Amino acid sequence: MIKNSKNYHQLKMSLFAFSIAFMLHLLLFSTAPLSTIIMKEMNLSHAGFAFIFGIAMISLVASRIPWGLIGDRFGFRNAFRIALPLSAIAAVIRPFTQSYISLLFTQFALGFGLSSVLPILPLLVKKSFQKNSTGFATGIYIAGFAAGNATAIAFTPYLLTLINWRTILFVYALMPVLISIFWWIFIPETHLKNGIIQFGQFKVILKDRSLWILLLLVIAAMGGYDTLATWIPKIIEMKNLSSSLATLLPLGFFFSGPIIGFVSDRLKKRKLLLILLGSATLVSILGLNTSNYSLFNLSMFLAGFCLNSILTISLAIPTELEKYASSVGGVVGVISSLGNVGPLALPVVFGSLIDLTGTYRVSILFISLFSGLVIILSSRSKYF
């Protein structure tokens, strides 16, 4: 009976974690397929539309560390009891905005609420799962990110043929509303600790070398994946191939989380796994330079698989290390926030190299060496 109760609790928390991660990417990326119609209705330039997504990302990146500290202090249950309704309110208001400025404001508010997701989900995993299953649990919610992204990009254009863009965003807004309601009903409130957030212990964690090694892994993984996600459509175009092949990259992303999480849970040391994944990352990205059709497709799938595998492991480790027992949210807040250096800088370098050389081959070589070598060198740390 106790075992069944425990299994039910873990299943419930897995479903919540996947749904919350799915919600994050669905709400963030749902505006991308609506670009043409929003630009026309609000008379925006391409740069003006880009800022709609950009301001949400700025808010999201800037707020992750504070949300992580809140989660560490007051627990993941109480943190989400605040953050999920905030996300729901912003998402519901967004479709009714009538001006560009008001749309930007709701996007900023949405980013603030959604910024809680990444630092607090590892807390959920730590508190709800045993140490030997945190990797798989992490992989489950990581798959939710991929599923939400794919749904936003692939399903939104279909809906646009049936209903207007404001109705689409309102339909999507129902998801955070429902999740918020279910969270308040099915996840009991925990006792709030007395006092204020303690920064002393967090400052000690910032001095710990392992945090910065995890940050390097996140930069390599997030930077490598986001760079490829940005430029793969252009590379496919330059190769005169079907644009539908681009789905192989997020497909690898989707399957990697649960698989590598499951494997990772069964290893006492992850050094060899990280070395293998780093080597596979280097080779698979480099394989995108091939003119062989089948090898190109396989390389794209494996690149998505390997890069997201590294992210899964990087987010699972803080939930397992004893020294991070009371600082999981803060640690993940740091590595997920500062880790955006990769997604911000590497796509620009990639594009600049294309401008300089007139080909994508040097850019592919650069990103394969950067991500692959950073992962391999980081894996030599004694912490793995």
Protein backbone atom coordinates (compact mmCIF):
# COMPACT_ATOMS: atom_id res chain seq x y z
CA MET A 1 0.00 0.00 0.00
CA ILE A 2 2.80 2.38 0.91
CA LYS A 3 4.67 1.45 -2.24
CA ASN A 4 1.58 2.05 -4.39
CA SER A 5 1.07 5.42 -2.70
CA LYS A 6 4.67 6.37 -3.41
CA ASN A 7 4.43 5.27 -7.05
CA TYR A 8 1.23 7.31 -7.46
CA HIS A 9 2.90 10.39 -6.00
CA GLN A 10 5.89 10.07 -8.32
CA LEU A 11 3.64 9.54 -11.34
CA LYS A 12 1.63 12.62 -10.37
CA MET A 13 4.76 14.73 -9.95
CA SER A 14 6.17 13.44 -13.27
CA LEU A 15 2.98 14.48 -15.05
CA PHE A 16 3.08 17.91 -13.44
CA ALA A 17 6.77 18.36 -14.29
CA PHE A 18 6.24 17.35 -17.94
CA SER A 19 3.14 19.56 -18.25
CA ILE A 20 4.86 22.60 -16.73
CA ALA A 21 7.89 22.19 -19.02
CA PHE A 22 5.56 21.69 -22.02
CA MET A 23 3.66 24.84 -21.04
CA LEU A 24 6.86 26.92 -20.87
CA HIS A 25 7.93 26.27 -24.46
CA LEU A 26 4.38 26.28 -25.82
CA LEU A 27 3.75 29.78 -24.48
CA LEU A 28 7.20 31.13 -25.36
CA PHE A 29 7.41 29.89 -28.95
CA SER A 30 3.75 30.17 -29.97
CA THR A 31 4.30 33.70 -31.26
CA ALA A 32 6.92 32.60 -33.82
CA PRO A 33 4.45 31.14 -36.38
CA LEU A 34 2.25 34.22 -35.91
CA SER A 35 4.97 36.65 -36.97
CA THR A 36 3.53 37.73 -40.33
CA ILE A 37 0.02 38.41 -39.09
CA ILE A 38 1.15 40.22 -35.90
CA MET A 39 3.62 42.35 -37.86
CA LYS A 40 0.88 43.32 -40.31
CA GLU A 41 -1.75 44.09 -37.67
CA MET A 42 0.60 46.14 -35.46
CA ASN A 43 2.66 47.59 -38.33
CA LEU A 44 5.96 46.18 -37.01
CA SER A 45 9.36 45.70 -38.58
CA HIS A 46 11.16 42.36 -38.28
CA ALA A 47 13.26 43.84 -35.48
CA GLY A 48 10.14 45.06 -33.72
CA PHE A 49 8.58 41.62 -33.84
CA ALA A 50 11.83 39.98 -32.70
CA PHE A 51 11.69 42.09 -29.54
CA ILE A 52 8.33 40.50 -28.65
CA PHE A 53 10.16 37.23 -28.11
CA GLY A 54 13.34 38.93 -26.92
CA ILE A 55 11.75 40.83 -24.03
CA ALA A 56 10.21 37.60 -22.70
CA MET A 57 13.65 35.95 -22.84
CA ILE A 58 15.30 38.92 -21.10
CA SER A 59 12.76 38.71 -18.28
CA LEU A 60 13.08 34.93 -18.14
CA VAL A 61 16.89 34.89 -17.95
CA ALA A 62 17.09 37.74 -15.43
CA SER A 63 14.54 36.22 -13.04
CA ARG A 64 15.75 32.62 -12.81
CA ILE A 65 18.21 33.18 -9.97
CA PRO A 66 15.68 35.01 -7.73
CA TRP A 67 13.10 32.26 -8.34
CA GLY A 68 15.71 29.65 -7.52
CA LEU A 69 16.44 31.33 -4.19
CA ILE A 70 12.71 31.59 -3.45
CA GLY A 71 12.30 27.90 -4.20
CA ASP A 72 15.21 26.97 -1.91
CA ARG A 73 13.79 29.04 0.92
CA PHE A 74 10.07 28.32 0.68
CA GLY A 75 9.94 25.04 -1.23
CA PHE A 76 8.89 24.16 -4.75
CA ARG A 77 5.21 23.78 -3.80
CA ASN A 78 4.86 27.31 -2.46
CA ALA A 79 7.01 28.82 -5.21
CA PHE A 80 4.81 27.31 -7.93
CA ARG A 81 1.65 28.35 -6.05
CA ILE A 82 2.80 31.90 -6.80
CA ALA A 83 4.57 31.52 -10.15
CA LEU A 84 2.00 29.40 -11.99
CA PRO A 85 -0.92 31.84 -11.41
CA LEU A 86 1.34 34.75 -12.45
CA SER A 87 2.12 32.92 -15.70
CA ALA A 88 -1.57 32.15 -16.21
CA ILE A 89 -2.64 35.78 -15.68
CA ALA A 90 -0.04 37.09 -18.16
CA ALA A 91 -0.96 34.41 -20.71
CA VAL A 92 -4.69 35.19 -20.46
CA ILE A 93 -4.17 38.96 -20.79
CA ARG A 94 -1.77 38.61 -23.76
CA PRO A 95 -4.41 37.88 -26.46
CA PHE A 96 -6.43 40.96 -25.46
CA THR A 97 -3.62 43.49 -25.83
CA GLN A 98 -4.42 46.15 -28.41
CA SER A 99 -1.06 47.89 -28.74
CA TYR A 100 2.56 46.91 -29.24
CA ILE A 101 3.58 48.36 -25.87
CA SER A 102 0.91 46.43 -23.98
CA LEU A 103 1.90 43.24 -25.79
CA LEU A 104 5.52 43.78 -24.76
CA PHE A 105 4.41 44.32 -21.17
CA THR A 106 2.49 41.04 -21.07
CA GLN A 107 5.42 39.25 -22.68
CA PHE A 108 7.73 40.60 -19.98
CA ALA A 109 5.29 39.51 -17.26
CA LEU A 110 4.95 36.10 -18.90
CA GLY A 111 8.73 35.69 -18.95
CA PHE A 112 8.88 36.57 -15.26
CA GLY A 113 6.36 33.90 -14.32
CA LEU A 114 7.82 31.25 -16.61
CA SER A 115 11.37 31.93 -15.37
CA SER A 116 10.44 29.96 -12.25
CA VAL A 117 10.13 26.71 -14.20
CA LEU A 118 13.74 25.70 -14.78
CA PRO A 119 15.20 26.42 -11.32
CA ILE A 120 12.18 24.99 -9.46
CA LEU A 121 11.58 21.77 -11.43
CA PRO A 122 14.90 20.31 -10.17
CA LEU A 123 13.66 21.02 -6.64
CA LEU A 124 10.50 19.07 -7.44
CA VAL A 125 12.65 16.19 -8.67
CA LYS A 126 14.90 16.26 -5.61
CA LYS A 127 12.02 16.22 -3.14
CA SER A 128 9.80 13.74 -5.00
CA PHE A 129 12.22 11.10 -6.31
CA GLN A 130 14.92 8.88 -4.88
CA LYS A 131 18.53 9.63 -5.72
CA ASN A 132 18.75 6.69 -8.13
CA SER A 133 15.85 7.98 -10.25
CA THR A 134 16.50 11.72 -10.47
CA GLY A 135 18.13 11.42 -13.91
CA PHE A 136 15.10 9.74 -15.44
CA ALA A 137 12.72 12.20 -13.74
CA THR A 138 14.82 15.07 -15.09
CA GLY A 139 14.69 13.51 -18.56
CA ILE A 140 10.89 13.35 -18.40
CA TYR A 141 10.47 17.09 -17.93
CA ILE A 142 13.25 17.84 -20.41
CA ALA A 143 11.17 15.94 -22.99
CA GLY A 144 8.31 18.29 -22.11
CA PHE A 145 10.37 21.24 -23.36
CA ALA A 146 10.88 19.53 -26.72
CA ALA A 147 7.21 18.57 -27.01
CA GLY A 148 6.04 22.10 -26.18
CA ASN A 149 8.41 23.61 -28.73
CA ALA A 150 7.35 21.19 -31.45
CA THR A 151 3.65 21.80 -30.73
CA ALA A 152 4.06 25.58 -30.84
CA ILE A 153 5.93 25.51 -34.15
CA ALA A 154 4.00 22.74 -35.93
CA PHE A 155 0.42 23.00 -34.58
CA THR A 156 0.01 26.79 -34.44
CA PRO A 157 0.09 27.28 -38.25
CA TYR A 158 -2.68 24.67 -38.56
CA LEU A 159 -4.82 26.46 -35.96
CA LEU A 160 -4.23 29.73 -37.79
CA THR A 161 -6.22 28.37 -40.74
CA LEU A 162 -9.21 27.87 -38.41
CA ILE A 163 -9.13 30.72 -35.88
CA ASN A 164 -7.41 34.09 -35.47
CA TRP A 165 -4.13 34.58 -33.67
CA ARG A 166 -5.66 36.09 -30.55
CA THR A 167 -7.95 33.10 -30.10
CA ILE A 168 -4.97 30.78 -30.54
CA LEU A 169 -3.05 32.51 -27.76
CA PHE A 170 -6.14 32.43 -25.55
CA VAL A 171 -6.55 28.68 -26.11
CA TYR A 172 -2.92 28.16 -25.17
CA ALA A 173 -3.44 30.34 -22.09
CA LEU A 174 -5.96 27.82 -20.77
CA MET A 175 -3.12 25.41 -20.09
CA PRO A 176 -1.37 27.46 -17.36
CA VAL A 177 -4.81 28.26 -15.91
CA LEU A 178 -5.64 24.56 -15.60
CA ILE A 179 -2.19 23.66 -14.29
CA SER A 180 -2.45 26.40 -11.65
CA ILE A 181 -5.86 25.17 -10.52
CA PHE A 182 -4.73 21.53 -10.37
CA TRP A 183 -1.55 22.52 -8.52
CA TRP A 184 -3.52 24.33 -5.82
CA ILE A 185 -5.97 21.43 -5.51
CA PHE A 186 -3.65 18.41 -5.65
CA ILE A 187 -0.37 19.74 -4.25
CA PRO A 188 -0.81 20.70 -0.58
CA GLU A 189 0.73 23.86 0.79
CA THR A 190 3.82 23.36 2.91
CA HIS A 191 4.74 25.26 6.03
CA LEU A 192 6.54 28.49 5.20
CA LYS A 193 9.89 28.79 6.88
CA ASN A 194 10.42 31.75 9.15
CA GLY A 195 12.83 34.49 8.27
CA ILE A 196 14.15 35.76 4.97
CA ILE A 197 16.15 34.24 2.13
CA GLN A 198 19.67 33.46 3.33
CA PHE A 199 22.34 34.56 0.85
CA GLY A 200 25.37 33.49 2.92
CA GLN A 201 25.26 29.82 1.99
CA PHE A 202 24.51 30.69 -1.62
CA LYS A 203 27.66 32.84 -1.76
CA VAL A 204 29.66 29.83 -0.60
CA ILE A 205 28.14 27.74 -3.40
CA LEU A 206 29.17 30.38 -5.94
CA LYS A 207 32.78 29.79 -4.94
CA ASP A 208 32.48 26.07 -5.56
CA ARG A 209 34.31 24.92 -8.68
CA SER A 210 31.75 22.25 -9.58
CA LEU A 211 29.07 24.90 -10.19
CA TRP A 212 31.21 26.57 -12.84
CA ILE A 213 31.98 23.24 -14.49
CA LEU A 214 28.25 22.56 -14.66
CA LEU A 215 27.86 26.03 -16.16
CA LEU A 216 30.38 25.17 -18.89
CA LEU A 217 28.41 22.03 -19.72
CA VAL A 218 25.17 24.02 -19.93
CA ILE A 219 26.79 26.68 -22.15
CA ALA A 220 28.09 23.95 -24.49
CA ALA A 221 24.77 22.07 -24.56
CA MET A 222 22.33 25.00 -24.77
CA GLY A 223 24.61 27.04 -27.02
CA GLY A 224 25.27 24.14 -29.37
CA TYR A 225 21.61 23.12 -29.64
CA ASP A 226 20.18 26.62 -30.03
CA THR A 227 22.80 27.47 -32.65
CA LEU A 228 21.90 24.42 -34.70
CA ALA A 229 18.16 25.06 -34.20
CA THR A 230 18.71 28.60 -35.50
CA TRP A 231 20.80 27.70 -38.53
CA ILE A 232 19.79 24.16 -39.55
CA PRO A 233 16.91 25.44 -41.72
CA LYS A 234 19.39 27.65 -43.60
CA ILE A 235 21.89 24.81 -43.96
CA ILE A 236 19.15 22.54 -45.32
CA GLU A 237 18.21 25.28 -47.78
CA MET A 238 21.85 25.62 -48.88
CA LYS A 239 21.96 21.86 -49.41
CA ASN A 240 18.72 22.01 -51.46
CA LEU A 241 17.01 19.49 -49.18
CA SER A 242 13.46 19.32 -47.81
CA SER A 243 12.78 21.75 -44.96
CA SER A 244 10.93 18.98 -43.06
CA LEU A 245 14.30 17.38 -42.23
CA ALA A 246 14.80 20.08 -39.58
CA THR A 247 12.42 18.13 -37.30
CA LEU A 248 15.13 15.49 -36.79
CA LEU A 249 17.03 17.82 -34.44
CA PRO A 250 14.18 18.32 -31.90
CA LEU A 251 13.26 14.64 -32.33
CA GLY A 252 16.68 13.73 -30.95
CA PHE A 253 16.10 16.31 -28.21
CA PHE A 254 12.80 14.64 -27.23
CA PHE A 255 14.07 11.07 -26.93
CA SER A 256 17.38 11.84 -25.25
CA GLY A 257 16.05 13.03 -21.87
CA PRO A 258 14.32 9.85 -20.62
CA ILE A 259 16.88 7.50 -22.23
CA ILE A 260 20.03 9.20 -20.95
CA GLY A 261 18.37 9.98 -17.62
CA PHE A 262 17.60 6.28 -17.17
CA VAL A 263 21.17 5.28 -18.10
CA SER A 264 22.69 8.00 -15.95
CA ASP A 265 20.79 6.83 -12.85
CA ARG A 266 22.50 3.47 -13.09
CA LEU A 267 26.05 4.82 -13.18
CA LYS A 268 28.04 5.61 -10.07
CA LYS A 269 30.39 7.77 -12.10
CA ARG A 270 29.35 9.72 -15.18
CA LYS A 271 32.84 10.56 -16.42
CA LEU A 272 32.89 7.90 -19.15
CA LEU A 273 29.31 8.70 -20.23
CA LEU A 274 30.15 12.41 -20.52
CA ILE A 275 33.31 11.66 -22.51
CA LEU A 276 31.35 9.42 -24.89
CA LEU A 277 28.60 12.01 -25.28
CA GLY A 278 31.14 14.78 -25.80
CA SER A 279 32.92 12.76 -28.49
CA ALA A 280 29.59 11.84 -30.11
CA THR A 281 28.58 15.51 -30.03
CA LEU A 282 31.76 16.55 -31.84
CA VAL A 283 31.45 13.82 -34.49
CA SER A 284 27.69 14.16 -35.05
CA ILE A 285 27.78 17.96 -35.51
CA LEU A 286 30.77 17.62 -37.81
CA GLY A 287 28.75 15.06 -39.77
CA LEU A 288 26.39 17.86 -40.82
CA ASN A 289 29.07 18.85 -43.33
CA THR A 290 28.63 15.60 -45.22
CA SER A 291 27.05 15.41 -48.66
CA ASN A 292 25.66 11.95 -47.89
CA TYR A 293 21.89 12.28 -47.38
CA SER A 294 21.45 9.42 -44.87
CA LEU A 295 24.52 10.39 -42.85
CA PHE A 296 23.35 14.00 -42.70
CA ASN A 297 19.97 12.94 -41.30
CA LEU A 298 21.57 10.62 -38.74
CA SER A 299 24.04 13.34 -37.71
CA MET A 300 21.23 15.84 -37.14
CA PHE A 301 19.24 13.43 -34.95
CA LEU A 302 22.35 12.45 -32.94
CA ALA A 303 23.41 16.09 -32.52
CA GLY A 304 20.05 16.90 -30.91
CA PHE A 305 20.20 13.71 -28.86
CA CYS A 306 23.74 14.25 -27.53
CA LEU A 307 23.44 17.96 -26.76
CA ASN A 308 20.23 17.51 -24.81
CA SER A 309 21.70 14.50 -23.02
CA ILE A 310 24.36 16.80 -21.60
CA LEU A 311 21.70 19.27 -20.47
CA THR A 312 19.75 16.46 -18.77
CA ILE A 313 22.79 15.28 -16.84
CA SER A 314 23.78 18.84 -15.92
CA LEU A 315 20.35 19.53 -14.42
CA ALA A 316 20.19 16.18 -12.62
CA ILE A 317 23.56 16.50 -10.85
CA PRO A 318 22.58 19.41 -8.53
CA THR A 319 19.66 17.31 -7.23
CA GLU A 320 22.09 14.58 -6.17
CA LEU A 321 25.12 16.34 -4.69
CA GLU A 322 24.81 16.63 -0.93
CA LYS A 323 26.57 19.99 -0.81
CA TYR A 324 23.75 21.46 -2.89
CA ALA A 325 21.04 19.97 -0.65
CA SER A 326 19.67 23.37 0.39
CA SER A 327 20.68 25.31 -2.73
CA VAL A 328 19.39 23.31 -5.70
CA GLY A 329 17.14 26.11 -6.94
CA GLY A 330 19.87 28.73 -6.64
CA VAL A 331 22.46 26.54 -8.37
CA VAL A 332 20.16 25.69 -11.28
CA GLY A 333 19.12 29.34 -11.42
CA VAL A 334 22.76 30.33 -11.92
CA ILE A 335 23.69 27.73 -14.51
CA SER A 336 20.45 28.12 -16.48
CA SER A 337 20.63 31.92 -16.40
CA LEU A 338 24.33 32.42 -17.14
CA GLY A 339 24.19 29.42 -19.46
CA ASN A 340 22.33 31.62 -21.94
CA VAL A 341 25.69 33.12 -22.87
CA GLY A 342 25.94 30.19 -25.29
CA PRO A 343 22.56 30.64 -27.01
CA LEU A 344 23.12 34.40 -27.25
CA ALA A 345 26.71 34.41 -28.58
CA LEU A 346 27.26 31.20 -30.54
CA PRO A 347 24.54 31.69 -33.20
CA VAL A 348 26.05 35.12 -33.94
CA VAL A 349 29.54 33.61 -34.32
CA PHE A 350 28.09 30.87 -36.53
CA GLY A 351 26.43 33.39 -38.85
CA SER A 352 29.48 35.65 -38.91
CA LEU A 353 31.66 32.76 -40.06
CA ILE A 354 29.24 32.10 -42.91
CA ASP A 355 29.52 35.77 -43.92
CA LEU A 356 33.34 35.58 -43.80
CA THR A 357 33.79 32.27 -45.62
CA GLY A 358 30.71 32.10 -47.83
CA THR A 359 29.97 28.57 -46.62
CA TYR A 360 28.50 26.86 -43.57
CA ARG A 361 31.29 24.27 -43.30
CA VAL A 362 33.64 26.37 -41.16
CA SER A 363 30.73 27.30 -38.90
CA ILE A 364 29.85 23.63 -38.43
CA LEU A 365 33.49 22.85 -37.65
CA PHE A 366 33.57 25.64 -35.07
CA ILE A 367 30.42 24.63 -33.20
CA SER A 368 31.38 20.94 -33.23
CA LEU A 369 34.79 21.67 -31.76
CA PHE A 370 33.46 24.17 -29.23
CA SER A 371 30.63 22.05 -27.83
CA GLY A 372 32.44 18.73 -28.14
CA LEU A 373 35.72 19.83 -26.56
CA VAL A 374 34.08 21.81 -23.74
CA ILE A 375 32.03 18.73 -22.81
CA ILE A 376 35.02 16.37 -23.01
CA LEU A 377 37.31 18.66 -21.00
CA SER A 378 34.64 19.36 -18.39
CA SER A 379 34.00 15.65 -17.95
CA ARG A 380 37.55 15.22 -16.62
CA SER A 381 36.49 16.94 -13.40
CA LYS A 382 36.67 14.90 -10.21
CA TYR A 383 33.01 15.72 -9.53
CA PHE A 384 31.88 13.31 -12.26
